[in-house]
N, C-alpha and C. Protein backbone atom coordinates (compact mmCIF):
# COMPACT_ATOMS: atom_id res chain seq x y z
N MET A 1 97.12 117.49 110.34
CA MET A 1 96.34 116.80 109.65
C MET A 1 94.72 117.31 109.46
N ARG A 2 94.46 117.17 108.24
CA ARG A 2 93.01 117.82 107.97
C ARG A 2 91.82 117.12 108.49
N GLU A 3 90.65 117.67 108.53
CA GLU A 3 89.58 117.03 109.12
C GLU A 3 89.19 116.14 107.97
N PRO A 4 88.38 114.93 108.80
CA PRO A 4 87.97 113.96 107.90
C PRO A 4 86.75 114.40 107.13
N GLU A 5 86.60 113.69 105.98
CA GLU A 5 85.31 113.69 105.16
C GLU A 5 84.21 113.05 105.89
N SER A 6 82.93 113.53 105.95
CA SER A 6 81.88 112.80 106.71
C SER A 6 81.04 112.66 105.65
N MET A 7 80.52 111.24 105.58
CA MET A 7 79.57 110.63 104.84
C MET A 7 78.42 109.91 105.70
N ARG A 8 77.34 110.35 105.19
CA ARG A 8 76.02 109.48 105.82
C ARG A 8 75.52 108.44 104.67
N PHE A 9 75.07 107.34 105.02
CA PHE A 9 74.26 106.40 104.01
C PHE A 9 72.92 105.95 104.47
N GLN A 10 71.89 106.09 103.70
CA GLN A 10 70.72 105.33 104.05
C GLN A 10 70.89 104.03 103.73
N PRO A 11 69.89 103.12 104.62
CA PRO A 11 69.87 101.89 103.98
C PRO A 11 70.02 101.63 102.61
N SER A 12 70.60 100.38 102.15
CA SER A 12 70.72 100.30 100.52
C SER A 12 70.58 98.73 100.44
N GLU A 13 69.43 98.43 99.72
CA GLU A 13 69.09 97.04 99.77
C GLU A 13 69.09 96.34 100.93
N TRP A 14 69.87 95.13 101.37
CA TRP A 14 69.87 94.50 102.53
C TRP A 14 70.99 95.00 103.49
N VAL A 15 71.80 96.17 102.99
CA VAL A 15 72.62 96.55 103.88
C VAL A 15 72.19 97.80 104.88
N PRO A 16 72.21 97.57 106.22
CA PRO A 16 71.47 98.46 107.16
C PRO A 16 72.20 99.91 106.92
N ASN A 17 73.41 99.96 106.88
CA ASN A 17 74.25 101.32 107.43
C ASN A 17 73.92 101.65 108.80
N HIS A 18 74.43 102.73 109.29
CA HIS A 18 74.27 103.03 110.52
C HIS A 18 73.26 104.27 110.41
N PRO A 19 72.17 104.24 111.40
CA PRO A 19 71.01 105.21 111.32
C PRO A 19 71.39 106.52 111.88
N SER A 20 72.36 106.72 112.33
CA SER A 20 72.94 108.13 112.84
C SER A 20 74.36 108.60 112.40
N LEU A 21 75.30 107.63 112.66
CA LEU A 21 76.64 107.92 112.56
C LEU A 21 77.26 107.97 111.14
N PRO A 22 78.15 109.12 110.74
CA PRO A 22 78.52 109.02 109.48
C PRO A 22 80.06 108.18 109.27
N VAL A 23 80.23 107.72 108.00
CA VAL A 23 81.57 107.32 107.82
C VAL A 23 82.61 108.48 107.82
N LEU A 24 83.70 108.19 108.29
CA LEU A 24 84.79 109.22 108.35
C LEU A 24 85.91 108.53 107.46
N LEU A 25 86.28 109.70 106.51
CA LEU A 25 87.47 109.41 105.73
C LEU A 25 88.52 110.55 105.90
N TYR A 26 89.71 110.08 106.34
CA TYR A 26 90.72 111.05 106.72
C TYR A 26 91.87 110.74 105.35
N ARG A 27 91.79 111.71 104.55
CA ARG A 27 92.64 111.43 103.51
C ARG A 27 94.09 111.80 103.79
N GLN A 28 95.04 111.25 103.31
CA GLN A 28 96.33 111.35 103.64
C GLN A 28 96.53 111.53 105.25
N ALA A 29 95.93 110.75 105.92
CA ALA A 29 96.22 110.68 107.44
C ALA A 29 97.74 110.64 107.79
N LEU A 30 98.41 109.59 106.89
CA LEU A 30 99.79 109.53 107.27
C LEU A 30 100.42 109.74 105.74
N SER A 31 101.67 110.20 105.69
CA SER A 31 102.39 110.30 104.59
C SER A 31 102.86 109.30 103.74
N ALA A 32 102.43 109.29 102.47
CA ALA A 32 103.02 108.05 101.66
C ALA A 32 104.65 107.88 101.89
N ALA A 33 105.30 109.07 102.14
CA ALA A 33 106.71 108.98 102.29
C ALA A 33 107.17 108.34 103.87
N GLU A 34 105.98 108.01 104.62
CA GLU A 34 106.35 107.28 105.97
C GLU A 34 107.20 106.00 105.66
N SER A 35 108.18 105.89 106.30
CA SER A 35 108.98 104.73 106.28
C SER A 35 108.03 103.24 106.28
N ASP A 36 107.40 103.31 107.34
CA ASP A 36 106.50 102.11 107.55
C ASP A 36 105.02 102.42 107.86
N ILE A 37 104.34 102.49 106.93
CA ILE A 37 102.87 103.06 107.03
C ILE A 37 102.07 102.18 107.93
N ALA A 38 102.12 100.75 107.66
CA ALA A 38 101.49 99.75 108.32
C ALA A 38 101.72 99.85 109.89
N ALA A 39 103.26 99.95 110.24
CA ALA A 39 103.72 100.08 111.47
C ALA A 39 102.94 101.35 112.24
N GLU A 40 103.09 102.43 111.54
CA GLU A 40 102.69 103.46 112.14
C GLU A 40 101.15 103.65 112.41
N PHE A 41 100.49 103.16 111.60
CA PHE A 41 98.80 102.93 111.84
C PHE A 41 98.84 101.94 112.88
N GLU A 42 99.28 100.98 113.09
CA GLU A 42 99.20 100.06 114.16
C GLU A 42 99.64 100.66 115.44
N ARG A 43 100.73 101.64 115.48
CA ARG A 43 101.05 102.40 116.89
C ARG A 43 100.13 103.18 116.96
N ARG A 44 99.47 104.08 116.28
CA ARG A 44 98.47 104.89 116.34
C ARG A 44 97.28 104.40 116.69
N PHE A 45 96.61 103.31 116.18
CA PHE A 45 95.45 102.72 116.59
C PHE A 45 95.50 102.10 118.15
N ALA A 46 96.83 101.29 118.37
CA ALA A 46 97.02 100.97 119.64
C ALA A 46 97.11 101.87 120.58
N GLY A 47 97.75 103.01 120.32
CA GLY A 47 97.82 103.91 121.13
C GLY A 47 96.70 104.63 121.69
N ALA A 48 95.59 104.54 120.72
CA ALA A 48 94.37 105.10 120.99
C ALA A 48 93.38 104.06 121.65
N GLY A 49 93.84 103.01 122.12
CA GLY A 49 93.22 101.91 122.70
C GLY A 49 92.42 100.98 121.72
N TRP A 50 92.56 101.09 120.30
CA TRP A 50 91.88 100.40 119.28
C TRP A 50 92.34 98.86 119.51
N GLN A 51 91.81 97.68 119.21
CA GLN A 51 92.13 96.39 119.40
C GLN A 51 92.01 95.60 118.41
N GLY A 52 92.21 94.41 118.45
CA GLY A 52 92.06 93.36 117.44
C GLY A 52 92.67 93.71 116.14
N LEU A 53 93.91 94.23 116.03
CA LEU A 53 94.45 94.98 114.97
C LEU A 53 94.97 93.78 113.91
N TRP A 54 94.76 94.04 112.77
CA TRP A 54 94.93 92.92 111.55
C TRP A 54 95.51 93.73 110.37
N ARG A 55 96.23 92.77 109.52
CA ARG A 55 96.94 93.26 108.29
C ARG A 55 96.08 92.34 107.40
N ASN A 56 95.35 92.87 106.10
CA ASN A 56 94.99 92.10 105.04
C ASN A 56 94.61 93.15 104.19
N GLY A 57 93.39 92.98 103.50
CA GLY A 57 92.70 93.73 102.52
C GLY A 57 91.37 94.06 102.91
N VAL A 58 90.55 94.32 101.84
CA VAL A 58 88.97 94.33 102.24
C VAL A 58 88.41 93.42 101.21
N PHE A 59 87.50 92.47 101.82
CA PHE A 59 86.80 91.48 101.12
C PHE A 59 86.14 92.01 99.74
N SER A 60 86.04 91.16 98.81
CA SER A 60 85.46 91.53 97.41
C SER A 60 83.94 91.30 97.48
N TYR A 61 83.34 90.90 98.62
CA TYR A 61 81.90 90.94 98.69
C TYR A 61 81.39 91.89 99.69
N GLN A 62 80.08 92.47 99.59
CA GLN A 62 79.46 93.30 100.24
C GLN A 62 79.22 92.70 101.62
N HIS A 63 79.70 93.35 102.84
CA HIS A 63 79.49 93.14 103.99
C HIS A 63 79.57 94.13 105.01
N TYR A 64 79.01 93.72 106.32
CA TYR A 64 79.23 94.94 107.26
C TYR A 64 79.20 94.18 108.69
N HIS A 65 79.38 94.88 109.66
CA HIS A 65 79.66 94.38 111.02
C HIS A 65 78.52 94.80 111.97
N ILE A 66 77.83 93.95 112.68
CA ILE A 66 76.79 94.36 113.58
C ILE A 66 77.54 94.85 115.13
N GLY A 67 78.53 94.15 115.53
CA GLY A 67 79.09 94.45 116.67
C GLY A 67 80.09 95.06 116.99
N ALA A 68 80.42 95.79 115.95
CA ALA A 68 81.91 96.66 115.84
C ALA A 68 81.90 97.61 115.10
N HIS A 69 82.28 99.05 115.52
CA HIS A 69 82.87 99.94 114.50
C HIS A 69 84.34 99.42 114.10
N GLU A 70 84.73 99.82 112.96
CA GLU A 70 85.91 99.44 112.55
C GLU A 70 86.61 100.52 111.76
N VAL A 71 88.10 100.64 111.94
CA VAL A 71 89.01 101.47 111.28
C VAL A 71 89.70 100.70 110.26
N LEU A 72 89.86 101.39 109.10
CA LEU A 72 90.81 100.74 108.03
C LEU A 72 91.68 101.74 107.46
N GLY A 73 92.99 101.62 107.96
CA GLY A 73 94.16 102.33 107.56
C GLY A 73 94.69 101.83 106.18
N VAL A 74 94.68 102.55 105.19
CA VAL A 74 95.30 101.96 103.94
C VAL A 74 96.97 102.11 104.05
N ALA A 75 97.76 101.02 104.12
CA ALA A 75 99.12 101.10 104.39
C ALA A 75 100.02 100.69 103.18
N GLY A 76 99.23 100.35 102.13
CA GLY A 76 100.02 100.17 100.76
C GLY A 76 99.17 100.28 99.74
N GLY A 77 99.44 100.60 98.45
CA GLY A 77 98.68 100.42 97.25
C GLY A 77 97.53 101.46 97.37
N HIS A 78 96.61 101.08 96.42
CA HIS A 78 95.33 101.67 96.21
C HIS A 78 94.13 100.98 95.93
N ALA A 79 92.80 101.37 96.19
CA ALA A 79 91.64 100.54 95.72
C ALA A 79 90.57 101.27 95.56
N ARG A 80 89.56 100.73 94.77
CA ARG A 80 88.03 101.52 94.83
C ARG A 80 87.24 100.61 95.85
N LEU A 81 86.76 101.27 96.61
CA LEU A 81 85.93 100.62 97.65
C LEU A 81 84.47 101.17 97.43
N LEU A 82 83.47 100.22 97.60
CA LEU A 82 82.28 100.59 97.60
C LEU A 82 81.69 100.63 99.00
N ILE A 83 81.38 101.80 99.51
CA ILE A 83 80.97 101.98 101.01
C ILE A 83 79.71 102.57 100.90
N GLY A 84 78.85 101.74 101.77
CA GLY A 84 77.27 102.24 102.09
C GLY A 84 76.45 101.19 101.56
N GLY A 85 76.87 100.11 100.95
CA GLY A 85 76.01 99.10 100.43
C GLY A 85 76.06 99.42 98.82
N PRO A 86 75.09 98.57 98.13
CA PRO A 86 75.12 98.61 96.69
C PRO A 86 74.51 99.88 96.18
N ASP A 87 73.76 100.71 96.72
CA ASP A 87 73.61 102.20 96.43
C ASP A 87 74.75 103.28 96.94
N GLY A 88 75.65 102.63 97.59
CA GLY A 88 76.50 103.62 98.36
C GLY A 88 77.44 104.45 97.19
N ALA A 89 78.69 104.55 97.80
CA ALA A 89 79.57 105.69 97.05
C ALA A 89 80.84 104.69 96.86
N VAL A 90 81.51 105.14 95.47
CA VAL A 90 82.77 104.37 95.16
C VAL A 90 83.88 105.37 95.68
N LEU A 91 84.54 104.81 96.53
CA LEU A 91 85.70 105.84 97.12
C LEU A 91 87.00 105.19 96.53
N GLU A 92 87.84 106.12 96.06
CA GLU A 92 89.48 105.65 95.64
C GLU A 92 90.32 106.00 96.71
N VAL A 93 90.58 105.05 97.34
CA VAL A 93 91.72 105.13 98.51
C VAL A 93 92.99 104.77 98.15
N SER A 94 94.10 105.46 98.91
CA SER A 94 95.57 104.98 98.54
C SER A 94 96.28 105.20 99.92
N ALA A 95 97.35 104.59 99.77
CA ALA A 95 98.21 104.59 100.94
C ALA A 95 98.31 105.93 101.87
N GLY A 96 98.08 105.76 103.05
CA GLY A 96 97.92 106.93 104.03
C GLY A 96 96.45 107.35 104.40
N ASP A 97 95.38 106.86 103.27
CA ASP A 97 94.00 107.32 103.84
C ASP A 97 93.64 106.45 105.00
N CYS A 98 92.52 106.81 105.75
CA CYS A 98 91.99 106.01 106.73
C CYS A 98 90.66 106.19 106.85
N LEU A 99 89.89 105.22 106.80
CA LEU A 99 88.39 105.14 107.10
C LEU A 99 87.95 104.79 108.48
N VAL A 100 86.96 105.33 109.08
CA VAL A 100 86.28 104.89 110.09
C VAL A 100 84.78 104.62 109.74
N LEU A 101 84.43 103.31 109.94
CA LEU A 101 83.22 102.76 109.40
C LEU A 101 82.22 102.69 110.78
N PRO A 102 81.31 103.15 111.16
CA PRO A 102 80.28 102.80 112.16
C PRO A 102 79.81 101.58 111.82
N ALA A 103 79.18 100.78 113.04
CA ALA A 103 78.37 99.43 112.73
C ALA A 103 77.61 99.48 111.76
N GLY A 104 77.34 98.39 111.01
CA GLY A 104 76.31 98.40 109.95
C GLY A 104 76.54 99.03 108.56
N THR A 105 77.71 99.64 108.38
CA THR A 105 78.03 100.30 107.25
C THR A 105 78.67 99.10 106.33
N GLY A 106 78.08 99.07 104.95
CA GLY A 106 78.45 98.08 103.93
C GLY A 106 79.80 98.55 103.47
N HIS A 107 80.70 97.38 103.21
CA HIS A 107 81.74 98.01 102.50
C HIS A 107 82.48 96.56 101.50
N LYS A 108 82.96 97.01 100.36
CA LYS A 108 83.30 96.13 99.46
C LYS A 108 84.59 96.56 98.69
N ASN A 109 85.54 95.63 98.38
CA ASN A 109 86.60 96.06 97.50
C ASN A 109 86.15 95.88 95.99
N LEU A 110 86.17 96.74 95.13
CA LEU A 110 85.83 96.58 93.76
C LEU A 110 87.07 96.50 92.93
N GLY A 111 88.18 96.57 93.46
CA GLY A 111 89.41 96.51 92.66
C GLY A 111 90.55 97.08 93.43
N ALA A 112 91.68 96.48 93.43
CA ALA A 112 93.05 96.90 94.03
C ALA A 112 94.31 96.68 93.34
N SER A 113 95.19 97.58 93.66
CA SER A 113 96.57 97.11 93.03
C SER A 113 97.26 96.11 93.89
N ASP A 114 98.42 95.67 93.33
CA ASP A 114 99.08 94.76 94.02
C ASP A 114 99.76 95.71 94.97
N GLY A 115 99.80 94.96 96.05
CA GLY A 115 100.43 95.52 97.37
C GLY A 115 99.28 96.22 98.16
N PHE A 116 97.92 96.20 97.82
CA PHE A 116 97.08 96.95 98.58
C PHE A 116 96.93 96.23 100.13
N LEU A 117 97.26 97.01 101.11
CA LEU A 117 97.34 96.62 102.36
C LEU A 117 96.45 97.44 103.27
N VAL A 118 95.66 96.77 104.28
CA VAL A 118 94.98 97.64 105.02
C VAL A 118 95.37 96.94 106.51
N ILE A 119 95.42 98.15 107.39
CA ILE A 119 95.49 97.94 108.99
C ILE A 119 94.22 98.08 109.47
N GLY A 120 93.40 97.03 110.18
CA GLY A 120 92.21 97.22 110.75
C GLY A 120 92.06 97.02 112.16
N GLY A 121 91.19 97.50 112.68
CA GLY A 121 91.01 97.34 114.34
C GLY A 121 89.44 97.85 114.62
N TYR A 122 89.26 97.60 116.02
CA TYR A 122 87.90 97.92 116.63
C TYR A 122 88.14 98.68 117.83
N PRO A 123 87.10 99.14 118.57
CA PRO A 123 87.20 99.83 119.81
C PRO A 123 87.30 98.46 120.73
N PRO A 124 87.96 99.00 121.92
CA PRO A 124 87.93 97.82 123.02
C PRO A 124 86.66 97.29 123.18
N GLY A 125 86.58 95.92 123.44
CA GLY A 125 85.16 95.11 123.58
C GLY A 125 84.46 94.81 122.64
N GLN A 126 84.81 95.37 121.34
CA GLN A 126 84.03 95.00 119.82
C GLN A 126 84.85 94.23 119.22
N THR A 127 84.13 93.48 118.49
CA THR A 127 84.67 92.27 117.60
C THR A 127 83.92 92.20 116.33
N ALA A 128 84.81 92.07 115.07
CA ALA A 128 83.83 92.01 113.74
C ALA A 128 83.10 90.75 113.67
N ASP A 129 81.82 90.78 113.39
CA ASP A 129 81.17 89.64 112.92
C ASP A 129 80.63 90.00 111.53
N ILE A 130 81.29 89.12 110.55
CA ILE A 130 80.87 89.58 109.03
C ILE A 130 79.60 89.09 108.78
N GLN A 131 78.93 90.06 108.33
CA GLN A 131 77.52 89.89 107.82
C GLN A 131 77.44 90.21 106.45
N ALA A 132 76.76 89.13 105.88
CA ALA A 132 76.36 89.36 104.22
C ALA A 132 74.99 88.97 103.94
N LYS A 133 74.04 89.13 104.75
CA LYS A 133 72.53 89.18 104.61
C LYS A 133 71.82 90.45 105.47
N ALA A 134 70.74 90.34 105.31
CA ALA A 134 69.88 91.52 105.79
C ALA A 134 69.77 91.47 107.37
N ALA A 135 69.80 92.39 108.12
CA ALA A 135 69.89 92.55 109.44
C ALA A 135 68.23 92.42 109.99
N SER A 136 68.33 91.65 111.14
CA SER A 136 67.00 91.31 111.98
C SER A 136 67.02 92.82 112.75
N THR A 137 65.56 92.73 113.12
CA THR A 137 65.21 93.96 114.11
C THR A 137 66.20 93.91 115.26
N THR A 138 66.53 92.71 115.84
CA THR A 138 67.47 92.70 117.00
C THR A 138 68.73 93.33 116.72
N ASP A 139 69.19 92.88 115.48
CA ASP A 139 70.70 93.53 114.71
C ASP A 139 70.55 94.84 114.79
N LEU A 140 69.45 95.47 114.08
CA LEU A 140 69.52 96.81 113.97
C LEU A 140 69.51 97.51 115.35
N GLN A 141 68.86 97.21 116.21
CA GLN A 141 69.08 97.69 117.62
C GLN A 141 70.40 97.49 118.22
N VAL A 142 71.13 96.46 118.00
CA VAL A 142 72.49 96.30 118.39
C VAL A 142 73.36 97.46 117.79
N ILE A 143 73.19 97.61 116.51
CA ILE A 143 73.92 98.60 115.73
C ILE A 143 73.61 99.96 116.30
N ALA A 144 72.50 100.27 116.36
CA ALA A 144 72.17 101.72 116.80
C ALA A 144 72.47 101.96 118.30
N ASN A 145 72.78 101.01 118.99
CA ASN A 145 73.00 101.30 120.52
C ASN A 145 74.50 100.87 120.89
N LEU A 146 75.18 100.35 119.89
CA LEU A 146 76.46 100.12 120.13
C LEU A 146 77.28 101.33 120.69
N PRO A 147 78.09 101.02 121.55
CA PRO A 147 78.60 102.16 122.46
C PRO A 147 79.73 103.05 121.41
N LEU A 148 79.77 104.37 121.87
CA LEU A 148 80.62 105.07 120.76
C LEU A 148 82.05 104.63 121.18
N PRO A 149 83.14 104.73 120.30
CA PRO A 149 84.33 104.65 120.87
C PRO A 149 84.64 105.80 121.73
N ALA A 150 85.92 105.57 122.89
CA ALA A 150 86.38 106.61 123.65
C ALA A 150 87.38 107.39 122.95
N THR A 151 87.80 106.91 121.84
CA THR A 151 88.87 107.73 121.16
C THR A 151 88.81 107.64 119.74
N ASP A 152 89.28 108.55 119.32
CA ASP A 152 89.80 108.65 117.81
C ASP A 152 90.70 107.74 117.40
N PRO A 153 90.65 106.80 116.30
CA PRO A 153 91.89 105.84 116.19
C PRO A 153 93.19 106.46 115.82
N LEU A 154 92.97 107.67 115.35
CA LEU A 154 94.32 108.29 115.01
C LEU A 154 94.82 109.21 115.98
N ARG A 155 93.77 109.99 116.45
CA ARG A 155 94.29 111.24 117.19
C ARG A 155 93.76 111.28 118.75
N GLY A 156 93.38 110.10 119.28
CA GLY A 156 93.16 109.83 120.56
C GLY A 156 91.87 110.50 121.00
N VAL A 157 91.89 110.93 122.29
CA VAL A 157 90.52 111.58 122.93
C VAL A 157 90.47 112.84 122.23
N ASP A 158 91.34 113.61 121.92
CA ASP A 158 90.85 114.80 121.22
C ASP A 158 90.75 114.91 119.87
N GLY A 159 90.57 113.83 119.00
CA GLY A 159 90.22 113.60 117.61
C GLY A 159 89.09 113.97 117.23
N PRO A 160 88.87 114.17 115.90
CA PRO A 160 87.49 114.50 115.46
C PRO A 160 86.39 113.72 115.68
N LEU A 161 86.63 112.31 115.65
CA LEU A 161 85.64 111.45 115.96
C LEU A 161 84.64 111.79 117.04
N LYS A 162 85.45 112.11 118.11
CA LYS A 162 84.80 112.37 119.52
C LYS A 162 83.61 113.61 119.14
N ARG A 163 83.86 114.50 118.34
CA ARG A 163 83.18 115.74 118.04
C ARG A 163 82.12 115.48 117.17
N ILE A 164 82.41 114.44 116.10
CA ILE A 164 81.65 114.35 115.06
C ILE A 164 80.49 113.15 115.38
N TRP A 165 81.01 112.10 116.00
CA TRP A 165 80.40 110.87 116.36
C TRP A 165 79.39 111.33 117.84
N LYS A 166 78.27 111.71 117.55
CA LYS A 166 77.43 111.72 118.84
C LYS A 166 76.21 111.08 118.87
N LYS A 167 75.82 110.47 120.02
CA LYS A 167 74.67 109.76 119.96
C LYS A 167 73.39 110.79 119.74
N VAL A 168 72.37 110.36 119.03
CA VAL A 168 71.28 111.27 118.75
C VAL A 168 70.06 110.71 119.67
């Protein structure tokens, strides 16, 4: 598996993004030839201790989470996602790709194919709180101080997330 792409985002209008952690994009983390990509993402995420696993898509409105980092494994189809708020980057993702979004990172679905399916989850003890408004000073402190995951959701304790995501 290749190293993930790493992208940092400054605050974008009302979306705070994370002050120090980059978004990680693992291109073709799983092969599109995998017999059941959704089940394999679930197996890997759970094996790495990530919880609250769900199957769905990505909301078509800009949002972020204060109390959770989030993993998004694309299990089917393809989509154009706006990552990093209104001034962020449009990413084309397809089955087998995986994103890890630090708390505060804006994300929005700009359009997807039929069959677009995402497997999502969170580090232990963290849960998604959907935010669609500006963060307060307290919210920004929570985002900045949220504990780092103990594992990379795809590769466990030896994965690149542990090396790339460091508190500053």
